[in-house]
Amino acid sequence: MNKKINLKKLSVTAMLCAVAYLCMFVFKFKVGFLTFDLKDAILTVIAFLYGPVYAVVSSVLVAAIEFLSVSDTGVYGFIMNALSSAVFTATCGIIYKYRRTLTGAIFGSVSAVLAMTAVMLVANIFITPFYMGVARDEVAAMIPTLLLPFNLIKGVVNAAITMIIYKPITSALKKVGLSVGNAPKTDIKKFIMLSIAALILLVIAVVLILFALHGEFQILAKK
């Protein structure tokens, strides 16, 4: 029985990792030298289903495949990519592990946005100077105008999408007999209200990216 359950977990995780990898080819936001896609939303579903360990391993694995296949940002890009996804998904997974409710999922997502933003600001201070070949003071000067808003908006976008997609994904998994995890439970009315709120946040975040940060929205763009 345990072997059967583990096989299901690995199968679902592998499938969601493949979808997360494909996300970078479909939708991408670019702000200056910074880019992000929507893979963290997919990886967070793994966190809700199977916990933080599966989420962190999946985050590093997807970042590694991206690094080996299409990335042009080198080792520094891989480190930042893996770290960002791992912190975001692990935070969601840890909080939801001990509070398996819709409120826990929301609290986990909000906490993930804040944790990922804080960690990435520190990582940018130490890693970006090597990547860009600039002084650390120059990177620090970017925090209030670029790095802080970028990472906050990135987190909000992925958290909002997670709230919209988790129920359809977990419902589909149940229908095909692959669900062995613990996705947040909610009725259809609460899900609709949550989806509307998440969609509003998503629209606001995208508007801020495009107009406040002068970013670009790319569809089916090359890495």
C-alpha atoms as a PDB file:
ATOM      1  CA  MET A   1       0.000   0.000   0.000  1.00  0.00           C
ATOM      2  CA  ASN A   2       2.758   2.451   0.955  1.00  0.00           C
ATOM      3  CA  LYS A   3       4.618   1.679  -2.272  1.00  0.00           C
ATOM      4  CA  LYS A   4       1.458   2.393  -4.251  1.00  0.00           C
ATOM      5  CA  ILE A   5       0.960   5.713  -2.462  1.00  0.00           C
ATOM      6  CA  ASN A   6       4.603   6.708  -2.959  1.00  0.00           C
ATOM      7  CA  LEU A   7       4.346   5.864  -6.650  1.00  0.00           C
ATOM      8  CA  LYS A   8       1.287   8.100  -6.943  1.00  0.00           C
ATOM      9  CA  LYS A   9       3.087  10.922  -5.145  1.00  0.00           C
ATOM     10  CA  LEU A  10       6.111  10.622  -7.419  1.00  0.00           C
ATOM     11  CA  SER A  11       3.908  10.464 -10.524  1.00  0.00           C
ATOM     12  CA  VAL A  12       1.917  13.568  -9.581  1.00  0.00           C
ATOM     13  CA  THR A  13       5.057  15.421  -8.517  1.00  0.00           C
ATOM     14  CA  ALA A  14       6.820  14.596 -11.786  1.00  0.00           C
ATOM     15  CA  MET A  15       3.787  15.715 -13.778  1.00  0.00           C
ATOM     16  CA  LEU A  16       3.496  19.019 -11.904  1.00  0.00           C
ATOM     17  CA  CYS A  17       7.253  19.607 -12.224  1.00  0.00           C
ATOM     18  CA  ALA A  18       6.908  19.179 -16.002  1.00  0.00           C
ATOM     19  CA  VAL A  19       4.066  21.713 -16.052  1.00  0.00           C
ATOM     20  CA  ALA A  20       6.139  24.104 -13.897  1.00  0.00           C
ATOM     21  CA  TYR A  21       9.043  23.798 -16.335  1.00  0.00           C
ATOM     22  CA  LEU A  22       6.759  24.518 -19.300  1.00  0.00           C
ATOM     23  CA  CYS A  23       5.409  27.634 -17.580  1.00  0.00           C
ATOM     24  CA  MET A  24       8.595  29.558 -18.298  1.00  0.00           C
ATOM     25  CA  PHE A  25       7.995  29.139 -22.033  1.00  0.00           C
ATOM     26  CA  VAL A  26       4.358  30.233 -21.966  1.00  0.00           C
ATOM     27  CA  PHE A  27       4.115  33.323 -19.750  1.00  0.00           C
ATOM     28  CA  LYS A  28       6.925  35.502 -18.466  1.00  0.00           C
ATOM     29  CA  PHE A  29       7.318  38.954 -16.944  1.00  0.00           C
ATOM     30  CA  LYS A  30      10.479  40.945 -17.531  1.00  0.00           C
ATOM     31  CA  VAL A  31      11.512  44.048 -15.586  1.00  0.00           C
ATOM     32  CA  GLY A  32      14.982  45.278 -16.442  1.00  0.00           C
ATOM     33  CA  PHE A  33      17.433  42.420 -15.870  1.00  0.00           C
ATOM     34  CA  LEU A  34      14.874  40.591 -13.712  1.00  0.00           C
ATOM     35  CA  THR A  35      12.408  38.013 -14.993  1.00  0.00           C
ATOM     36  CA  PHE A  36       9.909  35.651 -13.484  1.00  0.00           C
ATOM     37  CA  ASP A  37       7.419  33.102 -14.713  1.00  0.00           C
ATOM     38  CA  LEU A  38       4.487  31.332 -13.080  1.00  0.00           C
ATOM     39  CA  LYS A  39       6.123  28.061 -12.088  1.00  0.00           C
ATOM     40  CA  ASP A  40       6.029  28.800  -8.347  1.00  0.00           C
ATOM     41  CA  ALA A  41       2.225  28.586  -8.458  1.00  0.00           C
ATOM     42  CA  ILE A  42       2.450  25.031  -9.795  1.00  0.00           C
ATOM     43  CA  LEU A  43       5.193  24.084  -7.345  1.00  0.00           C
ATOM     44  CA  THR A  44       3.098  25.424  -4.469  1.00  0.00           C
ATOM     45  CA  VAL A  45       0.369  22.926  -5.350  1.00  0.00           C
ATOM     46  CA  ILE A  46       2.987  20.248  -4.645  1.00  0.00           C
ATOM     47  CA  ALA A  47       3.653  21.927  -1.287  1.00  0.00           C
ATOM     48  CA  PHE A  48      -0.034  21.791  -0.368  1.00  0.00           C
ATOM     49  CA  LEU A  49      -0.382  18.192  -1.500  1.00  0.00           C
ATOM     50  CA  TYR A  50       2.779  16.587  -0.155  1.00  0.00           C
ATOM     51  CA  GLY A  51       4.518  19.054   2.143  1.00  0.00           C
ATOM     52  CA  PRO A  52       7.649  21.212   2.166  1.00  0.00           C
ATOM     53  CA  VAL A  53      10.216  18.487   1.412  1.00  0.00           C
ATOM     54  CA  TYR A  54       8.591  17.517  -1.879  1.00  0.00           C
ATOM     55  CA  ALA A  55       8.196  21.212  -2.694  1.00  0.00           C
ATOM     56  CA  VAL A  56      11.838  22.119  -2.062  1.00  0.00           C
ATOM     57  CA  VAL A  57      13.173  19.122  -3.990  1.00  0.00           C
ATOM     58  CA  SER A  58      10.836  19.936  -6.889  1.00  0.00           C
ATOM     59  CA  SER A  59      11.884  23.605  -6.842  1.00  0.00           C
ATOM     60  CA  VAL A  60      15.571  22.768  -7.046  1.00  0.00           C
ATOM     61  CA  LEU A  61      14.962  20.077  -9.673  1.00  0.00           C
ATOM     62  CA  VAL A  62      12.981  22.373 -11.983  1.00  0.00           C
ATOM     63  CA  ALA A  63      15.565  25.156 -11.562  1.00  0.00           C
ATOM     64  CA  ALA A  64      18.359  22.675 -12.355  1.00  0.00           C
ATOM     65  CA  ILE A  65      16.617  21.445 -15.513  1.00  0.00           C
ATOM     66  CA  GLU A  66      16.077  25.037 -16.580  1.00  0.00           C
ATOM     67  CA  PHE A  67      19.750  25.817 -15.895  1.00  0.00           C
ATOM     68  CA  LEU A  68      20.952  22.819 -17.907  1.00  0.00           C
ATOM     69  CA  SER A  69      18.566  23.283 -20.823  1.00  0.00           C
ATOM     70  CA  VAL A  70      17.723  26.884 -21.672  1.00  0.00           C
ATOM     71  CA  SER A  71      18.977  29.347 -19.057  1.00  0.00           C
ATOM     72  CA  ASP A  72      21.410  32.075 -20.073  1.00  0.00           C
ATOM     73  CA  THR A  73      22.020  33.411 -16.544  1.00  0.00           C
ATOM     74  CA  GLY A  74      24.545  30.780 -15.473  1.00  0.00           C
ATOM     75  CA  VAL A  75      25.136  29.462 -11.981  1.00  0.00           C
ATOM     76  CA  TYR A  76      24.070  32.738 -10.358  1.00  0.00           C
ATOM     77  CA  GLY A  77      20.722  32.562 -12.105  1.00  0.00           C
ATOM     78  CA  PHE A  78      20.264  28.952 -11.007  1.00  0.00           C
ATOM     79  CA  ILE A  79      20.990  29.811  -7.372  1.00  0.00           C
ATOM     80  CA  MET A  80      18.543  32.719  -7.353  1.00  0.00           C
ATOM     81  CA  ASN A  81      15.910  30.744  -9.221  1.00  0.00           C
ATOM     82  CA  ALA A  82      16.116  27.692  -6.950  1.00  0.00           C
ATOM     83  CA  LEU A  83      16.311  29.778  -3.780  1.00  0.00           C
ATOM     84  CA  SER A  84      13.282  31.894  -4.681  1.00  0.00           C
ATOM     85  CA  SER A  85      11.080  28.910  -5.521  1.00  0.00           C
ATOM     86  CA  ALA A  86      12.283  26.833  -2.566  1.00  0.00           C
ATOM     87  CA  VAL A  87      11.633  29.557   0.015  1.00  0.00           C
ATOM     88  CA  PHE A  88       8.211  30.367  -1.426  1.00  0.00           C
ATOM     89  CA  THR A  89       6.977  26.790  -1.648  1.00  0.00           C
ATOM     90  CA  ALA A  90       8.567  25.611   1.609  1.00  0.00           C
ATOM     91  CA  THR A  91       6.914  28.429   3.558  1.00  0.00           C
ATOM     92  CA  CYS A  92       3.511  27.497   2.135  1.00  0.00           C
ATOM     93  CA  GLY A  93       4.135  23.808   2.776  1.00  0.00           C
ATOM     94  CA  ILE A  94       5.328  24.202   6.367  1.00  0.00           C
ATOM     95  CA  ILE A  95       2.434  26.410   7.465  1.00  0.00           C
ATOM     96  CA  TYR A  96      -0.196  24.297   5.723  1.00  0.00           C
ATOM     97  CA  LYS A  97       1.291  21.122   7.193  1.00  0.00           C
ATOM     98  CA  TYR A  98       0.246  22.299  10.649  1.00  0.00           C
ATOM     99  CA  ARG A  99      -2.924  24.140   9.615  1.00  0.00           C
ATOM    100  CA  ARG A 100      -4.749  22.118   6.979  1.00  0.00           C
ATOM    101  CA  THR A 101      -7.537  24.591   6.266  1.00  0.00           C
ATOM    102  CA  LEU A 102      -8.317  27.208   3.667  1.00  0.00           C
ATOM    103  CA  THR A 103      -7.235  29.842   6.178  1.00  0.00           C
ATOM    104  CA  GLY A 104      -3.946  27.983   6.592  1.00  0.00           C
ATOM    105  CA  ALA A 105      -3.425  27.936   2.841  1.00  0.00           C
ATOM    106  CA  ILE A 106      -4.072  31.684   2.598  1.00  0.00           C
ATOM    107  CA  PHE A 107      -1.868  32.465   5.598  1.00  0.00           C
ATOM    108  CA  GLY A 108       0.840  30.247   4.150  1.00  0.00           C
ATOM    109  CA  SER A 109       0.675  32.045   0.804  1.00  0.00           C
ATOM    110  CA  VAL A 110       0.874  35.508   2.400  1.00  0.00           C
ATOM    111  CA  SER A 111       3.784  34.377   4.575  1.00  0.00           C
ATOM    112  CA  ALA A 112       5.477  32.905   1.504  1.00  0.00           C
ATOM    113  CA  VAL A 113       5.314  36.243  -0.301  1.00  0.00           C
ATOM    114  CA  LEU A 114       6.958  38.018   2.638  1.00  0.00           C
ATOM    115  CA  ALA A 115       9.556  35.307   3.290  1.00  0.00           C
ATOM    116  CA  MET A 116      10.562  35.013  -0.356  1.00  0.00           C
ATOM    117  CA  THR A 117      10.837  38.797  -0.708  1.00  0.00           C
ATOM    118  CA  ALA A 118      13.042  39.110   2.387  1.00  0.00           C
ATOM    119  CA  VAL A 119      15.326  36.239   1.393  1.00  0.00           C
ATOM    120  CA  MET A 120      15.676  37.439  -2.201  1.00  0.00           C
ATOM    121  CA  LEU A 121      16.594  40.963  -1.112  1.00  0.00           C
ATOM    122  CA  VAL A 122      19.444  39.529   0.955  1.00  0.00           C
ATOM    123  CA  ALA A 123      20.425  37.184  -1.880  1.00  0.00           C
ATOM    124  CA  ASN A 124      20.459  40.066  -4.341  1.00  0.00           C
ATOM    125  CA  ILE A 125      22.800  42.039  -2.099  1.00  0.00           C
ATOM    126  CA  PHE A 126      25.326  39.189  -2.021  1.00  0.00           C
ATOM    127  CA  ILE A 127      24.889  37.509  -5.423  1.00  0.00           C
ATOM    128  CA  THR A 128      23.811  40.183  -7.926  1.00  0.00           C
ATOM    129  CA  PRO A 129      27.098  42.158  -7.674  1.00  0.00           C
ATOM    130  CA  PHE A 130      28.945  39.083  -8.992  1.00  0.00           C
ATOM    131  CA  TYR A 131      26.344  38.433 -11.690  1.00  0.00           C
ATOM    132  CA  MET A 132      26.208  42.030 -12.942  1.00  0.00           C
ATOM    133  CA  GLY A 133      29.775  43.019 -12.151  1.00  0.00           C
ATOM    134  CA  VAL A 134      28.746  46.061 -10.131  1.00  0.00           C
ATOM    135  CA  ALA A 135      29.400  47.352  -6.626  1.00  0.00           C
ATOM    136  CA  ARG A 136      27.204  46.142  -3.776  1.00  0.00           C
ATOM    137  CA  ASP A 137      26.147  49.728  -3.087  1.00  0.00           C
ATOM    138  CA  GLU A 138      24.669  49.953  -6.577  1.00  0.00           C
ATOM    139  CA  VAL A 139      22.565  46.871  -5.954  1.00  0.00           C
ATOM    140  CA  ALA A 140      21.470  48.183  -2.549  1.00  0.00           C
ATOM    141  CA  ALA A 141      20.300  51.378  -4.249  1.00  0.00           C
ATOM    142  CA  MET A 142      17.937  49.281  -6.391  1.00  0.00           C
ATOM    143  CA  ILE A 143      16.071  47.853  -3.388  1.00  0.00           C
ATOM    144  CA  PRO A 144      13.355  50.503  -2.910  1.00  0.00           C
ATOM    145  CA  THR A 145      12.752  51.201  -6.604  1.00  0.00           C
ATOM    146  CA  LEU A 146      13.177  47.788  -8.223  1.00  0.00           C
ATOM    147  CA  LEU A 147      14.130  44.759  -6.109  1.00  0.00           C
ATOM    148  CA  LEU A 148      11.570  45.191  -3.310  1.00  0.00           C
ATOM    149  CA  PRO A 149       8.526  45.915  -5.496  1.00  0.00           C
ATOM    150  CA  PHE A 150       9.561  43.305  -8.063  1.00  0.00           C
ATOM    151  CA  ASN A 151       9.831  40.482  -5.537  1.00  0.00           C
ATOM    152  CA  LEU A 152       6.648  41.491  -3.720  1.00  0.00           C
ATOM    153  CA  ILE A 153       4.685  41.586  -6.967  1.00  0.00           C
ATOM    154  CA  LYS A 154       6.246  38.317  -8.122  1.00  0.00           C
ATOM    155  CA  GLY A 155       5.106  36.672  -4.897  1.00  0.00           C
ATOM    156  CA  VAL A 156       1.600  38.127  -5.115  1.00  0.00           C
ATOM    157  CA  VAL A 157       1.192  36.939  -8.710  1.00  0.00           C
ATOM    158  CA  ASN A 158       2.196  33.369  -7.880  1.00  0.00           C
ATOM    159  CA  ALA A 159       0.154  33.311  -4.645  1.00  0.00           C
ATOM    160  CA  ALA A 160      -2.948  34.592  -6.440  1.00  0.00           C
ATOM    161  CA  ILE A 161      -2.604  32.045  -9.231  1.00  0.00           C
ATOM    162  CA  THR A 162      -2.116  29.273  -6.671  1.00  0.00           C
ATOM    163  CA  MET A 163      -5.395  30.202  -4.996  1.00  0.00           C
ATOM    164  CA  ILE A 164      -7.159  30.043  -8.367  1.00  0.00           C
ATOM    165  CA  ILE A 165      -5.721  26.779  -9.675  1.00  0.00           C
ATOM    166  CA  TYR A 166      -5.346  24.525  -6.630  1.00  0.00           C
ATOM    167  CA  LYS A 167      -8.963  23.326  -6.466  1.00  0.00           C
ATOM    168  CA  PRO A 168      -9.281  22.528 -10.204  1.00  0.00           C
ATOM    169  CA  ILE A 169      -5.959  20.655 -10.126  1.00  0.00           C
ATOM    170  CA  THR A 170      -6.723  18.660  -6.990  1.00  0.00           C
ATOM    171  CA  SER A 171     -10.256  17.908  -8.204  1.00  0.00           C
ATOM    172  CA  ALA A 172      -8.854  16.604 -11.481  1.00  0.00           C
ATOM    173  CA  LEU A 173      -6.347  14.429  -9.613  1.00  0.00           C
ATOM    174  CA  LYS A 174      -9.121  12.945  -7.489  1.00  0.00           C
ATOM    175  CA  LYS A 175     -11.174  12.090 -10.567  1.00  0.00           C
ATOM    176  CA  VAL A 176      -8.320  10.087 -12.091  1.00  0.00           C
ATOM    177  CA  GLY A 177      -7.417   8.439  -8.784  1.00  0.00           C
ATOM    178  CA  LEU A 178      -4.085  10.168  -8.261  1.00  0.00           C
ATOM    179  CA  SER A 179      -4.824  12.303  -5.228  1.00  0.00           C
ATOM    180  CA  VAL A 180      -3.043  11.108  -2.088  1.00  0.00           C
ATOM    181  CA  GLY A 181      -2.280  14.503  -0.599  1.00  0.00           C
ATOM    182  CA  ASN A 182      -4.040  17.045   1.566  1.00  0.00           C
ATOM    183  CA  ALA A 183      -5.136  20.003  -0.517  1.00  0.00           C
ATOM    184  CA  PRO A 184      -6.998  22.827   1.248  1.00  0.00           C
ATOM    185  CA  LYS A 185     -10.702  21.953   1.504  1.00  0.00           C
ATOM    186  CA  THR A 186     -13.369  24.501   0.667  1.00  0.00           C
ATOM    187  CA  ASP A 187     -16.867  24.560  -0.737  1.00  0.00           C
ATOM    188  CA  ILE A 188     -17.666  25.948  -4.150  1.00  0.00           C
ATOM    189  CA  LYS A 189     -19.020  29.250  -2.808  1.00  0.00           C
ATOM    190  CA  LYS A 190     -15.864  29.955  -0.824  1.00  0.00           C
ATOM    191  CA  PHE A 191     -13.739  28.905  -3.787  1.00  0.00           C
ATOM    192  CA  ILE A 192     -15.548  31.346  -6.097  1.00  0.00           C
ATOM    193  CA  MET A 193     -15.122  34.200  -3.604  1.00  0.00           C
ATOM    194  CA  LEU A 194     -11.468  33.327  -3.107  1.00  0.00           C
ATOM    195  CA  SER A 195     -10.893  33.110  -6.861  1.00  0.00           C
ATOM    196  CA  ILE A 196     -12.483  36.534  -7.430  1.00  0.00           C
ATOM    197  CA  ALA A 197     -10.315  38.098  -4.715  1.00  0.00           C
ATOM    198  CA  ALA A 198      -7.209  36.383  -6.118  1.00  0.00           C
ATOM    199  CA  LEU A 199      -8.076  37.515  -9.638  1.00  0.00           C
ATOM    200  CA  ILE A 200      -8.404  41.132  -8.491  1.00  0.00           C
ATOM    201  CA  LEU A 201      -4.999  40.914  -6.791  1.00  0.00           C
ATOM    202  CA  LEU A 202      -3.556  39.360  -9.927  1.00  0.00           C
ATOM    203  CA  VAL A 203      -4.858  42.146 -12.159  1.00  0.00           C
ATOM    204  CA  ILE A 204      -3.512  44.816  -9.788  1.00  0.00           C
ATOM    205  CA  ALA A 205      -0.106  43.106  -9.669  1.00  0.00           C
ATOM    206  CA  VAL A 206       0.100  42.835 -13.461  1.00  0.00           C
ATOM    207  CA  VAL A 207      -0.860  46.500 -13.878  1.00  0.00           C
ATOM    208  CA  LEU A 208       1.893  47.487 -11.427  1.00  0.00           C
ATOM    209  CA  ILE A 209       4.437  45.399 -13.326  1.00  0.00           C
ATOM    210  CA  LEU A 210       3.528  46.879 -16.693  1.00  0.00           C
ATOM    211  CA  PHE A 211       3.050  50.515 -15.711  1.00  0.00           C
ATOM    212  CA  ALA A 212       4.716  51.236 -12.354  1.00  0.00           C
ATOM    213  CA  LEU A 213       7.817  49.108 -13.035  1.00  0.00           C
ATOM    214  CA  HIS A 214       7.689  49.528 -16.839  1.00  0.00           C
ATOM    215  CA  GLY A 215       7.930  45.796 -17.335  1.00  0.00           C
ATOM    216  CA  GLU A 216       6.994  43.531 -20.210  1.00  0.00           C
ATOM    217  CA  PHE A 217       4.577  40.632 -20.475  1.00  0.00           C
ATOM    218  CA  GLN A 218       5.914  37.975 -22.811  1.00  0.00           C
ATOM    219  CA  ILE A 219       3.995  35.058 -24.281  1.00  0.00           C
ATOM    220  CA  LEU A 220       5.788  32.073 -25.811  1.00  0.00           C
ATOM    221  CA  ALA A 221       9.054  33.999 -25.608  1.00  0.00           C
ATOM    222  CA  LYS A 222      12.492  32.390 -25.720  1.00  0.00           C
ATOM    223  CA  LYS A 223      14.442  32.214 -22.470  1.00  0.00           C
END
